[in-house]
Amino acid sequence: MPTTIQLSKETKKLISTFGSKEDTYDTIIRRLYKLAVKEQLKEFLLSSEGTMPIDEAIKKAKKKWQ
């Protein structure tokens, strides 16, 4: 069931630049969503947060598994 969302004219114009004449706004927004999900996953996978250098991990493992 279709719904209505309010956008500024500027936002609507920006969104339309991602599509072609035959694309609906629904199609464009879904395409943008898929790109955003991929970007989030890439950032998550490439994040160095919570990681340690390999040499430190090896030392830690050797201590634990002597």
C-alpha atoms as a PDB file:
ATOM      1  CA  MET A   1       0.000   0.000   0.000  1.00  0.00           C
ATOM      2  CA  PRO A   2       1.602   3.308  -1.051  1.00  0.00           C
ATOM      3  CA  THR A   3       2.281   5.988   1.528  1.00  0.00           C
ATOM      4  CA  THR A   4       3.171   9.657   1.342  1.00  0.00           C
ATOM      5  CA  ILE A   5       6.344  11.177   2.735  1.00  0.00           C
ATOM      6  CA  GLN A   6       7.110  14.866   2.752  1.00  0.00           C
ATOM      7  CA  LEU A   7      10.361  16.077   1.223  1.00  0.00           C
ATOM      8  CA  SER A   8      11.654  19.503   0.478  1.00  0.00           C
ATOM      9  CA  LYS A   9      11.805  20.373  -3.205  1.00  0.00           C
ATOM     10  CA  GLU A  10      15.589  20.390  -2.925  1.00  0.00           C
ATOM     11  CA  THR A  11      15.669  16.844  -1.493  1.00  0.00           C
ATOM     12  CA  LYS A  12      13.263  15.598  -4.159  1.00  0.00           C
ATOM     13  CA  LYS A  13      15.493  17.106  -6.841  1.00  0.00           C
ATOM     14  CA  LEU A  14      18.607  15.512  -5.309  1.00  0.00           C
ATOM     15  CA  ILE A  15      16.945  12.092  -5.135  1.00  0.00           C
ATOM     16  CA  SER A  16      15.793  12.356  -8.731  1.00  0.00           C
ATOM     17  CA  THR A  17      19.411  12.742  -9.892  1.00  0.00           C
ATOM     18  CA  PHE A  18      19.981   9.081  -8.960  1.00  0.00           C
ATOM     19  CA  GLY A  19      17.373   7.816 -11.386  1.00  0.00           C
ATOM     20  CA  SER A  20      16.358   7.921 -14.996  1.00  0.00           C
ATOM     21  CA  LYS A  21      13.049   8.986 -16.539  1.00  0.00           C
ATOM     22  CA  GLU A  22      11.468   5.562 -16.105  1.00  0.00           C
ATOM     23  CA  ASP A  23      12.533   5.147 -12.449  1.00  0.00           C
ATOM     24  CA  THR A  24      10.000   5.790  -9.718  1.00  0.00           C
ATOM     25  CA  TYR A  25      11.021   7.447  -6.463  1.00  0.00           C
ATOM     26  CA  ASP A  26      10.408   4.097  -4.787  1.00  0.00           C
ATOM     27  CA  THR A  27      12.946   2.459  -7.126  1.00  0.00           C
ATOM     28  CA  ILE A  28      15.494   5.211  -6.564  1.00  0.00           C
ATOM     29  CA  ILE A  29      15.119   5.138  -2.776  1.00  0.00           C
ATOM     30  CA  ARG A  30      15.445   1.336  -2.724  1.00  0.00           C
ATOM     31  CA  ARG A  31      18.618   1.610  -4.809  1.00  0.00           C
ATOM     32  CA  LEU A  32      20.017   4.223  -2.416  1.00  0.00           C
ATOM     33  CA  TYR A  33      19.089   2.017   0.548  1.00  0.00           C
ATOM     34  CA  LYS A  34      20.973  -0.957  -0.927  1.00  0.00           C
ATOM     35  CA  LEU A  35      24.038   1.225  -1.489  1.00  0.00           C
ATOM     36  CA  ALA A  36      23.835   2.535   2.086  1.00  0.00           C
ATOM     37  CA  VAL A  37      23.629  -1.009   3.502  1.00  0.00           C
ATOM     38  CA  LYS A  38      26.689  -2.060   1.482  1.00  0.00           C
ATOM     39  CA  GLU A  39      28.583   1.017   2.675  1.00  0.00           C
ATOM     40  CA  GLN A  40      27.693   0.294   6.312  1.00  0.00           C
ATOM     41  CA  LEU A  41      28.858  -3.301   5.949  1.00  0.00           C
ATOM     42  CA  LYS A  42      32.098  -2.187   4.319  1.00  0.00           C
ATOM     43  CA  GLU A  43      32.765   0.301   7.128  1.00  0.00           C
ATOM     44  CA  PHE A  44      32.029  -2.381   9.726  1.00  0.00           C
ATOM     45  CA  LEU A  45      34.304  -4.963   8.086  1.00  0.00           C
ATOM     46  CA  LEU A  46      37.154  -2.512   7.547  1.00  0.00           C
ATOM     47  CA  SER A  47      36.921  -0.925  10.994  1.00  0.00           C
ATOM     48  CA  SER A  48      39.985  -1.348  13.177  1.00  0.00           C
ATOM     49  CA  GLU A  49      37.957  -0.807  16.341  1.00  0.00           C
ATOM     50  CA  GLY A  50      38.409  -3.680  18.764  1.00  0.00           C
ATOM     51  CA  THR A  51      41.316  -5.192  16.833  1.00  0.00           C
ATOM     52  CA  MET A  52      44.967  -5.750  17.670  1.00  0.00           C
ATOM     53  CA  PRO A  53      48.105  -6.134  15.571  1.00  0.00           C
ATOM     54  CA  ILE A  54      48.817  -9.721  14.432  1.00  0.00           C
ATOM     55  CA  ASP A  55      52.103  -9.977  16.348  1.00  0.00           C
ATOM     56  CA  GLU A  56      50.308  -9.017  19.562  1.00  0.00           C
ATOM     57  CA  ALA A  57      47.577 -11.578  18.878  1.00  0.00           C
ATOM     58  CA  ILE A  58      50.204 -14.301  18.284  1.00  0.00           C
ATOM     59  CA  LYS A  59      51.977 -13.476  21.567  1.00  0.00           C
ATOM     60  CA  LYS A  60      48.658 -13.566  23.402  1.00  0.00           C
ATOM     61  CA  ALA A  61      47.730 -16.906  21.824  1.00  0.00           C
ATOM     62  CA  LYS A  62      51.144 -18.438  22.643  1.00  0.00           C
ATOM     63  CA  LYS A  63      50.762 -17.416  26.289  1.00  0.00           C
ATOM     64  CA  LYS A  64      47.284 -18.883  26.454  1.00  0.00           C
ATOM     65  CA  TRP A  65      48.100 -22.119  24.612  1.00  0.00           C
ATOM     66  CA  GLN A  66      51.579 -23.024  25.931  1.00  0.00           C
END
